[in-house]
C-alpha atoms as a PDB file:
ATOM      1  CA  MET A   1     -16.368 -12.208 -17.475  1.00  0.00           C
ATOM      2  CA  ALA A   2     -18.597 -15.196 -17.433  1.00  0.00           C
ATOM      3  CA  ARG A   3     -21.330 -13.587 -19.537  1.00  0.00           C
ATOM      4  CA  MET A   4     -18.333 -12.994 -22.361  1.00  0.00           C
ATOM      5  CA  TYR A   5     -17.430 -17.126 -22.372  1.00  0.00           C
ATOM      6  CA  ARG A   6     -21.860 -17.482 -23.545  1.00  0.00           C
ATOM      7  CA  VAL A   7     -20.942 -15.340 -25.999  1.00  0.00           C
ATOM      8  CA  LEU A   8     -18.294 -16.947 -27.315  1.00  0.00           C
ATOM      9  CA  GLY A   9     -20.372 -20.335 -26.695  1.00  0.00           C
ATOM     10  CA  PHE A  10     -23.129 -18.306 -29.251  1.00  0.00           C
ATOM     11  CA  TRP A  11     -20.625 -17.289 -31.994  1.00  0.00           C
ATOM     12  CA  CYS A  12     -18.977 -21.112 -32.084  1.00  0.00           C
ATOM     13  CA  LEU A  13     -22.028 -21.992 -32.572  1.00  0.00           C
ATOM     14  CA  VAL A  14     -23.068 -19.594 -35.491  1.00  0.00           C
ATOM     15  CA  ILE A  15     -19.660 -20.372 -36.795  1.00  0.00           C
ATOM     16  CA  GLY A  16     -20.381 -24.310 -36.412  1.00  0.00           C
ATOM     17  CA  LEU A  17     -24.104 -24.034 -37.970  1.00  0.00           C
ATOM     18  CA  MET A  18     -22.407 -22.209 -41.139  1.00  0.00           C
ATOM     19  CA  ALA A  19     -19.877 -24.957 -41.349  1.00  0.00           C
ATOM     20  CA  PHE A  20     -22.594 -27.671 -41.341  1.00  0.00           C
ATOM     21  CA  ALA A  21     -24.174 -25.814 -43.846  1.00  0.00           C
ATOM     22  CA  GLY A  22     -21.144 -25.846 -46.089  1.00  0.00           C
ATOM     23  CA  HIS A  23     -20.740 -29.550 -45.765  1.00  0.00           C
ATOM     24  CA  MET A  24     -17.695 -29.167 -43.972  1.00  0.00           C
ATOM     25  CA  THR A  25     -18.312 -32.149 -41.207  1.00  0.00           C
ATOM     26  CA  GLU A  26     -15.259 -31.931 -39.232  1.00  0.00           C
ATOM     27  CA  PHE A  27     -15.095 -28.149 -38.902  1.00  0.00           C
ATOM     28  CA  ALA A  28     -18.607 -27.953 -37.626  1.00  0.00           C
ATOM     29  CA  LEU A  29     -17.953 -30.473 -35.168  1.00  0.00           C
ATOM     30  CA  LEU A  30     -14.925 -28.947 -33.339  1.00  0.00           C
ATOM     31  CA  PHE A  31     -17.103 -25.392 -33.145  1.00  0.00           C
ATOM     32  CA  PHE A  32     -20.183 -27.460 -31.892  1.00  0.00           C
ATOM     33  CA  ALA A  33     -17.553 -28.900 -29.389  1.00  0.00           C
ATOM     34  CA  GLN A  34     -16.216 -25.364 -28.352  1.00  0.00           C
ATOM     35  CA  ALA A  35     -19.538 -24.003 -28.187  1.00  0.00           C
ATOM     36  CA  VAL A  36     -20.552 -26.437 -25.365  1.00  0.00           C
ATOM     37  CA  ALA A  37     -17.211 -26.167 -23.788  1.00  0.00           C
ATOM     38  CA  PHE A  38     -17.325 -22.292 -23.591  1.00  0.00           C
ATOM     39  CA  THR A  39     -21.632 -22.709 -22.706  1.00  0.00           C
ATOM     40  CA  PHE A  40     -20.726 -24.716 -19.588  1.00  0.00           C
ATOM     41  CA  LEU A  41     -17.722 -22.850 -18.520  1.00  0.00           C
ATOM     42  CA  GLY A  42     -19.897 -19.535 -18.531  1.00  0.00           C
ATOM     43  CA  TYR A  43     -22.399 -21.216 -16.283  1.00  0.00           C
ATOM     44  CA  LEU A  44     -19.824 -22.072 -13.537  1.00  0.00           C
ATOM     45  CA  ASN A  45     -19.286 -18.585 -12.371  1.00  0.00           C
ATOM     46  CA  PHE A  46     -15.452 -18.538 -11.807  1.00  0.00           C
ATOM     47  CA  SER A  47     -13.464 -15.480 -10.810  1.00  0.00           C
ATOM     48  CA  GLU A  48     -12.293 -13.681 -13.551  1.00  0.00           C
ATOM     49  CA  ARG A  49      -8.307 -14.093 -12.905  1.00  0.00           C
ATOM     50  CA  THR A  50      -9.679 -18.028 -13.515  1.00  0.00           C
ATOM     51  CA  TYR A  51     -11.785 -17.131 -16.835  1.00  0.00           C
ATOM     52  CA  ILE A  52      -8.723 -15.072 -17.879  1.00  0.00           C
ATOM     53  CA  MET A  53      -6.282 -18.090 -17.527  1.00  0.00           C
ATOM     54  CA  MET A  54      -8.353 -20.308 -18.953  1.00  0.00           C
ATOM     55  CA  PHE A  55      -8.538 -18.524 -21.999  1.00  0.00           C
ATOM     56  CA  TRP A  56      -4.988 -17.916 -22.411  1.00  0.00           C
ATOM     57  CA  GLY A  57      -4.602 -21.626 -21.761  1.00  0.00           C
ATOM     58  CA  TYR A  58      -7.076 -21.907 -24.401  1.00  0.00           C
ATOM     59  CA  MET A  59      -5.022 -19.783 -26.877  1.00  0.00           C
ATOM     60  CA  VAL A  60      -1.923 -21.419 -26.271  1.00  0.00           C
ATOM     61  CA  ILE A  61      -3.609 -24.647 -26.892  1.00  0.00           C
ATOM     62  CA  SER A  62      -4.993 -23.727 -30.334  1.00  0.00           C
ATOM     63  CA  PHE A  63      -2.462 -21.914 -31.856  1.00  0.00           C
ATOM     64  CA  VAL A  64      -0.085 -24.630 -30.565  1.00  0.00           C
ATOM     65  CA  GLY A  65      -2.495 -27.203 -32.307  1.00  0.00           C
ATOM     66  CA  PHE A  66      -2.946 -24.625 -35.401  1.00  0.00           C
ATOM     67  CA  THR A  67       0.387 -24.405 -35.676  1.00  0.00           C
ATOM     68  CA  TYR A  68       1.362 -28.173 -35.962  1.00  0.00           C
ATOM     69  CA  TRP A  69      -1.667 -29.099 -38.622  1.00  0.00           C
ATOM     70  CA  SER A  70      -0.346 -25.909 -40.628  1.00  0.00           C
ATOM     71  CA  VAL A  71       3.828 -27.431 -40.767  1.00  0.00           C
ATOM     72  CA  PHE A  72       2.671 -31.090 -40.627  1.00  0.00           C
ATOM     73  CA  LYS A  73      -0.481 -32.132 -41.673  1.00  0.00           C
ATOM     74  CA  LEU A  74      -1.393 -29.728 -44.510  1.00  0.00           C
ATOM     75  CA  ASP A  75       0.651 -30.523 -48.088  1.00  0.00           C
ATOM     76  CA  LEU A  76       2.142 -27.253 -48.494  1.00  0.00           C
ATOM     77  CA  PRO A  77       4.289 -26.809 -52.064  1.00  0.00           C
ATOM     78  CA  PHE A  78       7.576 -26.426 -50.681  1.00  0.00           C
END
């Protein structure tokens, strides 16, 4: 399971680099930070249960943040 966090870190780095190349600086910095966090967590050798609980917590926080941003921060036409 720890290796999967390193894979997540790699893909976040790739997405961050593509966003940086596309001049989306804030988006790129967000994914660079996630890449560092996932890679760091991948080397801590927690138990599989701990990794799964951390991932679920990450998913809850990201979905709540995405929903908040979509509803309250975007200029939606309605």
